[in-house]
Each structure stands twice: as C-alpha cells, then as structure tokens.
Amino acid sequence: MSTNFERFKKLHHAKSLFILPNAWDAKSAFLFEENKFPAVGTSSAAVSASLGYEDGEGMPFSDYLFVIRRILASVKIPVTIDLEMGYGKNNAEIFDNIQQLVELGVAGINIEDSEINNSKRSLRDAKEFAKTIEYIKEKLASKKLSLFVNIRCDTYILPIKDKQKETLHRLKIYETTGADGIFLPCISSEADITEAVSNTKLPINVMCIPGLPDFDTLNKLGVKRASMGPFLFNKTYKKASELGRKVADMKSFSPVI
C-alpha cells in the first residue's frame, strides 16, 4: 500500500493536470475530500485570516500546528502545507518545524524564496535559498523521512523587472537542490508558462489568479498542478458578510434560512 507521500508525488507526474484545493480548517478539508479531490493543501493566508492574523507568518506556528493536526485527523487524502518562509530564523529551526509536520503525517510543503524585512517582501538570493533547500532535503534523507518539497518562486508576485529571465535563472539553480516541484504563483501568460515548463525538469505548479488559462489549456501547456489559493476562502467569507448584513438590514433571519 502506497504512502500519502508516494500518492502525492505521483499526482505531479500524471498525464492530466492535478487540481489542489486549499483548506483553512478541518471542515473545509473534509468537504474537499467529499468532493473527490485527490489531495488538499492549506492556504497560509486563509488559515491566518480565519484565526485573526496577518499573512506572512503573523500567525504563531503553534496555532498553525493545531489547525494542521485537525485537518490531518479529518481526512485520509494527502495533505500539503503552505509553510510560508519556514517559520524559523535559520535552517535548523526551519527543519525542526518540517520534521514536526512529517511526523504528523504531512505529505508535502511549499516554502517561499522571498523574505519579509520591515514589512517589505523581497526575493532572497537564489543561491543562498538553494542552500536552504539542500539542507532540508539532506536532513530528510539522513533521517529517512519522505516529504514533497515544493519551492514557491515569487518572481511573478513581486515587482521584478524581467520576470521571465529571473524565473528561468532561478529554475536552473533550484533544479540542483533535490526539490520536488516548483510553484509559480501569479503567473498567467501562456508564453511565460510555456517558457517555465520547457526550462525545467521539475513539475510546475500554478495558482488560481485572474487571467489564468482554463484547465484544458494548462494541461496542454504541461502544467502539472494548479492550486486554489485563498480564493474560495475569500469568496466564502464575502458571502457570509453579505448574508450577515442582510439579516441586520431586514431584521429577519430569512436570508440564512
């Protein structure tokens, strides 16, 4: 019987595009499983917002672990975690957090190649970040632990001058780290997606964003995984806000009954 890690990894090498929904609590994860999604990820932005924190590691890792434990206890499908920048000040602290996740039963993580200093996000040096990934993969191997490490490359999130050139530069460096996949949030141009896919052996992951091609097109372009990000969470709570306002305005519970 294959492990959740093995099942999760195979999804990235299948012929068809793998759609990854992003949960923010145990109930949302369970609903995704009920709707036959083969795996589920967390959205740090959604989990943080649901707990009243800012995204960008404003949420204490201990609070995040509580939510992760409840998700893992509620579903049988593989679970991957949006680990943001790793929730650690150095590689050793980041790995300690990762080891906790693996021991809980997590199948994968995303980890970002950007950092936040004085409330401003910027790209880390690519070679320096690559060393972090190498450290993580080497430590996992030494402890005989399996985890799908997906690098979130933030070239399309940040105001980079030549996004395509910088992305291709980073892909070549990241390929050498032992990473399992590349996540390019906010990429939407078919030309840019084609360039990324054709310039790396690693499976490319994109995210729900206005202007993103449809699933059939993404599949033809060679994208292996497309994630939902915080969009369903945002829409769910926008609807909840609208219904709450209607209850107050109408002085009746009829909008929610």
C-alpha atoms as a PDB file:
ATOM      1  CA  MET A   1       0.000   0.000   0.000  1.00  0.00           C
ATOM      2  CA  SER A   2       1.486   3.349  -1.042  1.00  0.00           C
ATOM      3  CA  THR A   3       2.039   6.112   1.482  1.00  0.00           C
ATOM      4  CA  ASN A   4       0.369   9.506   1.232  1.00  0.00           C
ATOM      5  CA  PHE A   5       3.750  10.920   0.208  1.00  0.00           C
ATOM      6  CA  GLU A   6       4.021   8.456  -2.687  1.00  0.00           C
ATOM      7  CA  ARG A   7       0.420   9.093  -3.736  1.00  0.00           C
ATOM      8  CA  PHE A   8       1.008  12.841  -3.605  1.00  0.00           C
ATOM      9  CA  LYS A   9       4.229  12.673  -5.600  1.00  0.00           C
ATOM     10  CA  LYS A  10       2.585  10.541  -8.319  1.00  0.00           C
ATOM     11  CA  LEU A  11      -0.098  13.198  -8.805  1.00  0.00           C
ATOM     12  CA  HIS A  12       2.633  15.562 -10.069  1.00  0.00           C
ATOM     13  CA  HIS A  13       3.751  13.105 -12.743  1.00  0.00           C
ATOM     14  CA  ALA A  14       0.368  12.016 -14.051  1.00  0.00           C
ATOM     15  CA  LYS A  15      -0.757  12.743 -17.611  1.00  0.00           C
ATOM     16  CA  SER A  16      -3.569  15.032 -16.530  1.00  0.00           C
ATOM     17  CA  LEU A  17      -3.483  18.290 -14.558  1.00  0.00           C
ATOM     18  CA  PHE A  18      -3.810  17.823 -10.803  1.00  0.00           C
ATOM     19  CA  ILE A  19      -6.135  20.347  -9.094  1.00  0.00           C
ATOM     20  CA  LEU A  20      -5.219  21.104  -5.492  1.00  0.00           C
ATOM     21  CA  PRO A  21      -7.856  22.820  -3.330  1.00  0.00           C
ATOM     22  CA  ASN A  22      -6.670  24.902  -0.370  1.00  0.00           C
ATOM     23  CA  ALA A  23      -8.327  24.435   3.013  1.00  0.00           C
ATOM     24  CA  TRP A  24      -8.329  26.674   6.078  1.00  0.00           C
ATOM     25  CA  ASP A  25      -9.760  24.281   8.671  1.00  0.00           C
ATOM     26  CA  ALA A  26     -10.796  20.666   9.176  1.00  0.00           C
ATOM     27  CA  LYS A  27     -14.302  21.184   7.782  1.00  0.00           C
ATOM     28  CA  SER A  28     -13.157  22.736   4.517  1.00  0.00           C
ATOM     29  CA  ALA A  29     -10.574  19.963   4.063  1.00  0.00           C
ATOM     30  CA  PHE A  30     -13.250  17.319   4.708  1.00  0.00           C
ATOM     31  CA  LEU A  31     -15.571  18.918   2.139  1.00  0.00           C
ATOM     32  CA  PHE A  32     -12.805  18.822  -0.473  1.00  0.00           C
ATOM     33  CA  GLU A  33     -12.258  15.142   0.239  1.00  0.00           C
ATOM     34  CA  GLU A  34     -16.018  14.535  -0.044  1.00  0.00           C
ATOM     35  CA  ASN A  35     -15.905  16.189  -3.465  1.00  0.00           C
ATOM     36  CA  LYS A  36     -13.293  13.661  -4.635  1.00  0.00           C
ATOM     37  CA  PHE A  37     -10.219  15.877  -4.754  1.00  0.00           C
ATOM     38  CA  PRO A  38      -7.184  13.558  -4.541  1.00  0.00           C
ATOM     39  CA  ALA A  39      -5.271  15.758  -2.079  1.00  0.00           C
ATOM     40  CA  VAL A  40      -5.641  19.002  -0.153  1.00  0.00           C
ATOM     41  CA  GLY A  41      -3.311  21.840   0.748  1.00  0.00           C
ATOM     42  CA  THR A  42      -3.512  24.596   3.287  1.00  0.00           C
ATOM     43  CA  SER A  43      -3.519  28.280   2.389  1.00  0.00           C
ATOM     44  CA  SER A  44      -1.495  30.227   4.955  1.00  0.00           C
ATOM     45  CA  ALA A  45      -3.385  33.383   4.014  1.00  0.00           C
ATOM     46  CA  ALA A  46      -6.733  31.689   4.620  1.00  0.00           C
ATOM     47  CA  VAL A  47      -5.719  29.942   7.855  1.00  0.00           C
ATOM     48  CA  SER A  48      -4.175  33.165   9.174  1.00  0.00           C
ATOM     49  CA  ALA A  49      -7.284  35.201   8.320  1.00  0.00           C
ATOM     50  CA  SER A  50      -9.584  32.585   9.873  1.00  0.00           C
ATOM     51  CA  LEU A  51      -7.644  32.932  13.140  1.00  0.00           C
ATOM     52  CA  GLY A  52      -7.468  36.735  13.018  1.00  0.00           C
ATOM     53  CA  TYR A  53      -3.805  37.058  11.995  1.00  0.00           C
ATOM     54  CA  GLU A  54      -1.998  38.748   9.127  1.00  0.00           C
ATOM     55  CA  ASP A  55      -0.449  36.554   6.447  1.00  0.00           C
ATOM     56  CA  GLY A  56       3.329  36.497   6.177  1.00  0.00           C
ATOM     57  CA  GLU A  57       3.956  34.421   9.321  1.00  0.00           C
ATOM     58  CA  GLY A  58       1.872  36.705  11.513  1.00  0.00           C
ATOM     59  CA  MET A  59       0.255  33.508  12.798  1.00  0.00           C
ATOM     60  CA  PRO A  60       2.151  31.646  15.558  1.00  0.00           C
ATOM     61  CA  PHE A  61       3.396  28.276  14.336  1.00  0.00           C
ATOM     62  CA  SER A  62       1.790  26.606  17.372  1.00  0.00           C
ATOM     63  CA  ASP A  63      -1.627  27.871  16.240  1.00  0.00           C
ATOM     64  CA  TYR A  64      -0.949  26.647  12.727  1.00  0.00           C
ATOM     65  CA  LEU A  65       0.035  23.217  14.057  1.00  0.00           C
ATOM     66  CA  PHE A  66      -3.310  22.933  15.858  1.00  0.00           C
ATOM     67  CA  VAL A  67      -5.189  23.545  12.587  1.00  0.00           C
ATOM     68  CA  ILE A  68      -2.910  21.141  10.700  1.00  0.00           C
ATOM     69  CA  ARG A  69      -3.480  18.393  13.278  1.00  0.00           C
ATOM     70  CA  ARG A  70      -7.257  18.793  12.986  1.00  0.00           C
ATOM     71  CA  ILE A  71      -7.082  18.646   9.168  1.00  0.00           C
ATOM     72  CA  LEU A  72      -4.942  15.511   9.256  1.00  0.00           C
ATOM     73  CA  ALA A  73      -7.361  13.900  11.700  1.00  0.00           C
ATOM     74  CA  SER A  74     -10.309  14.721   9.432  1.00  0.00           C
ATOM     75  CA  VAL A  75      -9.172  13.444   6.018  1.00  0.00           C
ATOM     76  CA  LYS A  76      -7.441  10.409   4.551  1.00  0.00           C
ATOM     77  CA  ILE A  77      -6.145  12.053   1.371  1.00  0.00           C
ATOM     78  CA  PRO A  78      -2.602  13.510   1.243  1.00  0.00           C
ATOM     79  CA  VAL A  79      -2.164  16.914   2.887  1.00  0.00           C
ATOM     80  CA  THR A  80       0.437  19.501   1.874  1.00  0.00           C
ATOM     81  CA  ILE A  81       1.234  22.562   3.955  1.00  0.00           C
ATOM     82  CA  ASP A  82       1.878  26.148   2.920  1.00  0.00           C
ATOM     83  CA  LEU A  83       4.889  26.724   5.181  1.00  0.00           C
ATOM     84  CA  GLU A  84       5.487  30.304   4.001  1.00  0.00           C
ATOM     85  CA  MET A  85       9.163  31.129   4.751  1.00  0.00           C
ATOM     86  CA  GLY A  86       9.563  28.190   7.124  1.00  0.00           C
ATOM     87  CA  TYR A  87       8.648  29.823  10.458  1.00  0.00           C
ATOM     88  CA  GLY A  88      12.284  29.776  11.563  1.00  0.00           C
ATOM     89  CA  LYS A  89      15.214  32.171  11.902  1.00  0.00           C
ATOM     90  CA  ASN A  90      17.704  29.728  10.418  1.00  0.00           C
ATOM     91  CA  ASN A  91      17.847  26.427   8.521  1.00  0.00           C
ATOM     92  CA  ALA A  92      17.949  24.329  11.694  1.00  0.00           C
ATOM     93  CA  GLU A  93      14.783  25.941  13.077  1.00  0.00           C
ATOM     94  CA  ILE A  94      13.022  25.582   9.733  1.00  0.00           C
ATOM     95  CA  PHE A  95      13.921  21.906   9.577  1.00  0.00           C
ATOM     96  CA  ASP A  96      12.682  21.342  13.132  1.00  0.00           C
ATOM     97  CA  ASN A  97       9.287  22.667  12.016  1.00  0.00           C
ATOM     98  CA  ILE A  98       9.355  20.493   8.905  1.00  0.00           C
ATOM     99  CA  GLN A  99      10.221  17.389  10.906  1.00  0.00           C
ATOM    100  CA  GLN A 100       7.209  18.015  13.144  1.00  0.00           C
ATOM    101  CA  LEU A 101       4.998  18.154  10.061  1.00  0.00           C
ATOM    102  CA  VAL A 102       6.416  14.940   8.597  1.00  0.00           C
ATOM    103  CA  GLU A 103       5.945  13.126  11.893  1.00  0.00           C
ATOM    104  CA  LEU A 104       2.318  14.294  11.970  1.00  0.00           C
ATOM    105  CA  GLY A 105       1.765  12.736   8.534  1.00  0.00           C
ATOM    106  CA  VAL A 106       2.067  15.670   6.137  1.00  0.00           C
ATOM    107  CA  ALA A 107       2.885  14.644   2.537  1.00  0.00           C
ATOM    108  CA  GLY A 108       4.349  17.914   1.256  1.00  0.00           C
ATOM    109  CA  ILE A 109       5.165  21.560   1.839  1.00  0.00           C
ATOM    110  CA  ASN A 110       5.549  24.809  -0.071  1.00  0.00           C
ATOM    111  CA  ILE A 111       8.417  27.043   1.000  1.00  0.00           C
ATOM    112  CA  GLU A 112       8.998  30.560  -0.387  1.00  0.00           C
ATOM    113  CA  ASP A 113      12.148  32.029  -1.915  1.00  0.00           C
ATOM    114  CA  SER A 114      11.242  35.506  -0.673  1.00  0.00           C
ATOM    115  CA  GLU A 115      11.509  37.075   2.774  1.00  0.00           C
ATOM    116  CA  ILE A 116       9.889  39.917   4.700  1.00  0.00           C
ATOM    117  CA  ASN A 117      12.002  42.629   6.305  1.00  0.00           C
ATOM    118  CA  ASN A 118      10.444  45.734   7.857  1.00  0.00           C
ATOM    119  CA  SER A 119       7.074  44.734   6.371  1.00  0.00           C
ATOM    120  CA  LYS A 120       8.562  44.641   2.856  1.00  0.00           C
ATOM    121  CA  ARG A 121       8.802  41.416   0.856  1.00  0.00           C
ATOM    122  CA  SER A 122      11.773  40.817  -1.434  1.00  0.00           C
ATOM    123  CA  LEU A 123      13.435  37.877  -3.169  1.00  0.00           C
ATOM    124  CA  ARG A 124      16.177  36.039  -1.324  1.00  0.00           C
ATOM    125  CA  ASP A 125      19.450  35.433  -3.119  1.00  0.00           C
ATOM    126  CA  ALA A 126      18.731  32.359  -5.245  1.00  0.00           C
ATOM    127  CA  LYS A 127      21.949  30.513  -4.372  1.00  0.00           C
ATOM    128  CA  GLU A 128      21.511  31.208  -0.666  1.00  0.00           C
ATOM    129  CA  PHE A 129      17.924  29.948  -0.780  1.00  0.00           C
ATOM    130  CA  ALA A 130      19.058  26.872  -2.731  1.00  0.00           C
ATOM    131  CA  LYS A 131      21.350  26.013   0.176  1.00  0.00           C
ATOM    132  CA  THR A 132      18.321  26.064   2.500  1.00  0.00           C
ATOM    133  CA  ILE A 133      16.512  23.562   0.272  1.00  0.00           C
ATOM    134  CA  GLU A 134      19.623  21.368   0.035  1.00  0.00           C
ATOM    135  CA  TYR A 135      19.899  21.410   3.814  1.00  0.00           C
ATOM    136  CA  ILE A 136      16.247  20.391   4.196  1.00  0.00           C
ATOM    137  CA  LYS A 137      16.492  17.557   1.667  1.00  0.00           C
ATOM    138  CA  GLU A 138      19.753  16.257   3.118  1.00  0.00           C
ATOM    139  CA  LYS A 139      18.347  16.264   6.647  1.00  0.00           C
ATOM    140  CA  LEU A 140      15.204  14.473   5.473  1.00  0.00           C
ATOM    141  CA  ALA A 141      17.320  11.828   3.744  1.00  0.00           C
ATOM    142  CA  SER A 142      19.585  11.354   6.769  1.00  0.00           C
ATOM    143  CA  LYS A 143      16.533  10.699   8.945  1.00  0.00           C
ATOM    144  CA  LYS A 144      14.854   8.555   6.249  1.00  0.00           C
ATOM    145  CA  LEU A 145      11.878  10.892   6.088  1.00  0.00           C
ATOM    146  CA  SER A 146       9.821  11.443   2.924  1.00  0.00           C
ATOM    147  CA  LEU A 147       8.342  14.819   2.031  1.00  0.00           C
ATOM    148  CA  PHE A 148       7.424  16.543  -1.245  1.00  0.00           C
ATOM    149  CA  VAL A 149       9.284  19.863  -1.142  1.00  0.00           C
ATOM    150  CA  ASN A 150       7.716  22.395  -3.496  1.00  0.00           C
ATOM    151  CA  ILE A 151       9.645  25.648  -3.961  1.00  0.00           C
ATOM    152  CA  ARG A 152       7.441  28.715  -4.230  1.00  0.00           C
ATOM    153  CA  CYS A 153       9.318  31.035  -6.558  1.00  0.00           C
ATOM    154  CA  ASP A 154       7.971  34.571  -6.064  1.00  0.00           C
ATOM    155  CA  THR A 155       9.179  36.249  -9.248  1.00  0.00           C
ATOM    156  CA  TYR A 156       5.619  36.771 -10.502  1.00  0.00           C
ATOM    157  CA  ILE A 157       4.298  38.054  -7.163  1.00  0.00           C
ATOM    158  CA  LEU A 158       6.931  40.752  -6.724  1.00  0.00           C
ATOM    159  CA  PRO A 159       7.725  43.748  -8.983  1.00  0.00           C
ATOM    160  CA  ILE A 160      10.713  42.158 -10.698  1.00  0.00           C
ATOM    161  CA  LYS A 161      11.969  43.918 -13.858  1.00  0.00           C
ATOM    162  CA  ASP A 162      12.416  40.899 -16.121  1.00  0.00           C
ATOM    163  CA  LYS A 163      10.210  38.261 -14.554  1.00  0.00           C
ATOM    164  CA  GLN A 164      10.711  35.580 -17.178  1.00  0.00           C
ATOM    165  CA  LYS A 165      14.506  35.902 -17.227  1.00  0.00           C
ATOM    166  CA  GLU A 166      14.785  35.876 -13.432  1.00  0.00           C
ATOM    167  CA  THR A 167      12.416  32.916 -13.190  1.00  0.00           C
ATOM    168  CA  LEU A 168      14.433  30.819 -15.655  1.00  0.00           C
ATOM    169  CA  HIS A 169      17.638  31.739 -13.820  1.00  0.00           C
ATOM    170  CA  ARG A 170      16.153  30.520 -10.542  1.00  0.00           C
ATOM    171  CA  LEU A 171      14.673  27.356 -12.029  1.00  0.00           C
ATOM    172  CA  LYS A 172      18.111  26.201 -13.157  1.00  0.00           C
ATOM    173  CA  ILE A 173      19.539  26.766  -9.679  1.00  0.00           C
ATOM    174  CA  TYR A 174      16.606  25.156  -7.870  1.00  0.00           C
ATOM    175  CA  GLU A 175      16.741  22.046 -10.054  1.00  0.00           C
ATOM    176  CA  THR A 176      20.046  21.153  -8.387  1.00  0.00           C
ATOM    177  CA  THR A 177      18.719  21.251  -4.816  1.00  0.00           C
ATOM    178  CA  GLY A 178      16.761  17.990  -4.732  1.00  0.00           C
ATOM    179  CA  ALA A 179      13.450  19.894  -4.678  1.00  0.00           C
ATOM    180  CA  ASP A 180      10.404  18.005  -5.976  1.00  0.00           C
ATOM    181  CA  GLY A 181       8.481  20.791  -7.675  1.00  0.00           C
ATOM    182  CA  ILE A 182       8.235  24.498  -8.493  1.00  0.00           C
ATOM    183  CA  PHE A 183       5.292  26.753  -7.632  1.00  0.00           C
ATOM    184  CA  LEU A 184       4.911  29.990  -9.621  1.00  0.00           C
ATOM    185  CA  PRO A 185       2.015  31.914  -8.049  1.00  0.00           C
ATOM    186  CA  CYS A 186       0.548  34.794 -10.095  1.00  0.00           C
ATOM    187  CA  ILE A 187       1.972  33.601 -13.422  1.00  0.00           C
ATOM    188  CA  SER A 188      -0.823  33.746 -16.021  1.00  0.00           C
ATOM    189  CA  SER A 189       0.617  34.371 -19.502  1.00  0.00           C
ATOM    190  CA  GLU A 190       0.621  31.280 -21.715  1.00  0.00           C
ATOM    191  CA  ALA A 191       4.001  32.342 -23.115  1.00  0.00           C
ATOM    192  CA  ASP A 192       5.529  32.659 -19.648  1.00  0.00           C
ATOM    193  CA  ILE A 193       4.060  29.345 -18.519  1.00  0.00           C
ATOM    194  CA  THR A 194       5.390  27.606 -21.642  1.00  0.00           C
ATOM    195  CA  GLU A 195       8.883  29.023 -21.033  1.00  0.00           C
ATOM    196  CA  ALA A 196       8.883  27.869 -17.417  1.00  0.00           C
ATOM    197  CA  VAL A 197       7.634  24.358 -18.211  1.00  0.00           C
ATOM    198  CA  SER A 198      10.119  23.892 -21.053  1.00  0.00           C
ATOM    199  CA  ASN A 199      13.098  25.070 -18.998  1.00  0.00           C
ATOM    200  CA  THR A 200      12.883  22.712 -16.039  1.00  0.00           C
ATOM    201  CA  LYS A 201      12.522  19.010 -15.380  1.00  0.00           C
ATOM    202  CA  LEU A 202      10.582  19.745 -12.200  1.00  0.00           C
ATOM    203  CA  PRO A 203       6.753  19.731 -12.279  1.00  0.00           C
ATOM    204  CA  ILE A 204       5.341  23.256 -12.476  1.00  0.00           C
ATOM    205  CA  ASN A 205       2.528  24.359 -10.171  1.00  0.00           C
ATOM    206  CA  VAL A 206       0.411  27.485 -10.785  1.00  0.00           C
ATOM    207  CA  MET A 207      -2.288  29.187  -8.715  1.00  0.00           C
ATOM    208  CA  CYS A 208      -5.806  30.463  -9.289  1.00  0.00           C
ATOM    209  CA  ILE A 209      -5.472  34.074 -10.419  1.00  0.00           C
ATOM    210  CA  PRO A 210      -7.486  36.338 -12.746  1.00  0.00           C
ATOM    211  CA  GLY A 211      -6.378  35.704 -16.325  1.00  0.00           C
ATOM    212  CA  LEU A 212      -5.081  32.184 -15.705  1.00  0.00           C
ATOM    213  CA  PRO A 213      -5.869  29.863 -18.648  1.00  0.00           C
ATOM    214  CA  ASP A 214      -8.515  27.170 -18.165  1.00  0.00           C
ATOM    215  CA  PHE A 215      -7.628  23.655 -17.024  1.00  0.00           C
ATOM    216  CA  ASP A 216      -7.536  22.143 -20.514  1.00  0.00           C
ATOM    217  CA  THR A 217      -5.099  24.819 -21.681  1.00  0.00           C
ATOM    218  CA  LEU A 218      -2.899  24.447 -18.593  1.00  0.00           C
ATOM    219  CA  ASN A 219      -2.812  20.714 -19.211  1.00  0.00           C
ATOM    220  CA  LYS A 220      -1.726  21.228 -22.829  1.00  0.00           C
ATOM    221  CA  LEU A 221       0.968  23.670 -21.688  1.00  0.00           C
ATOM    222  CA  GLY A 222       2.423  20.958 -19.444  1.00  0.00           C
ATOM    223  CA  VAL A 223       1.464  22.348 -16.045  1.00  0.00           C
ATOM    224  CA  LYS A 224       1.197  19.527 -13.517  1.00  0.00           C
ATOM    225  CA  ARG A 225      -0.614  21.153 -10.602  1.00  0.00           C
ATOM    226  CA  ALA A 226      -2.959  24.107 -10.156  1.00  0.00           C
ATOM    227  CA  SER A 227      -3.928  25.254  -6.686  1.00  0.00           C
ATOM    228  CA  MET A 228      -6.879  27.283  -5.453  1.00  0.00           C
ATOM    229  CA  GLY A 229      -5.022  29.587  -3.069  1.00  0.00           C
ATOM    230  CA  PRO A 230      -7.191  31.716  -0.747  1.00  0.00           C
ATOM    231  CA  PHE A 231      -9.820  32.493  -3.399  1.00  0.00           C
ATOM    232  CA  LEU A 232     -12.544  30.110  -2.186  1.00  0.00           C
ATOM    233  CA  PHE A 233     -11.962  31.215   1.410  1.00  0.00           C
ATOM    234  CA  ASN A 234     -12.264  34.873   0.379  1.00  0.00           C
ATOM    235  CA  LYS A 235     -15.443  34.249  -1.604  1.00  0.00           C
ATOM    236  CA  THR A 236     -16.983  32.162   1.192  1.00  0.00           C
ATOM    237  CA  TYR A 237     -16.472  34.888   3.765  1.00  0.00           C
ATOM    238  CA  LYS A 238     -17.545  37.648   1.392  1.00  0.00           C
ATOM    239  CA  LYS A 239     -20.840  35.759   1.012  1.00  0.00           C
ATOM    240  CA  ALA A 240     -21.081  35.296   4.786  1.00  0.00           C
ATOM    241  CA  SER A 241     -20.585  39.052   5.252  1.00  0.00           C
ATOM    242  CA  GLU A 242     -23.302  39.814   2.700  1.00  0.00           C
ATOM    243  CA  LEU A 243     -25.748  37.453   4.416  1.00  0.00           C
ATOM    244  CA  GLY A 244     -24.963  38.919   7.833  1.00  0.00           C
ATOM    245  CA  ARG A 245     -25.636  42.417   6.511  1.00  0.00           C
ATOM    246  CA  LYS A 246     -28.965  41.288   5.019  1.00  0.00           C
ATOM    247  CA  VAL A 247     -30.046  39.809   8.363  1.00  0.00           C
ATOM    248  CA  ALA A 248     -29.300  43.133  10.060  1.00  0.00           C
ATOM    249  CA  ASP A 249     -30.952  45.228   7.325  1.00  0.00           C
ATOM    250  CA  MET A 250     -34.064  43.064   7.031  1.00  0.00           C
ATOM    251  CA  LYS A 251     -34.369  42.470  10.777  1.00  0.00           C
ATOM    252  CA  SER A 252     -35.085  38.857   9.895  1.00  0.00           C
ATOM    253  CA  PHE A 253     -33.252  35.542   9.718  1.00  0.00           C
ATOM    254  CA  SER A 254     -34.852  34.774   6.344  1.00  0.00           C
ATOM    255  CA  PRO A 255     -31.615  35.416   4.339  1.00  0.00           C
ATOM    256  CA  VAL A 256     -29.929  32.484   6.075  1.00  0.00           C
ATOM    257  CA  ILE A 257     -32.900  30.123   6.334  1.00  0.00           C
END
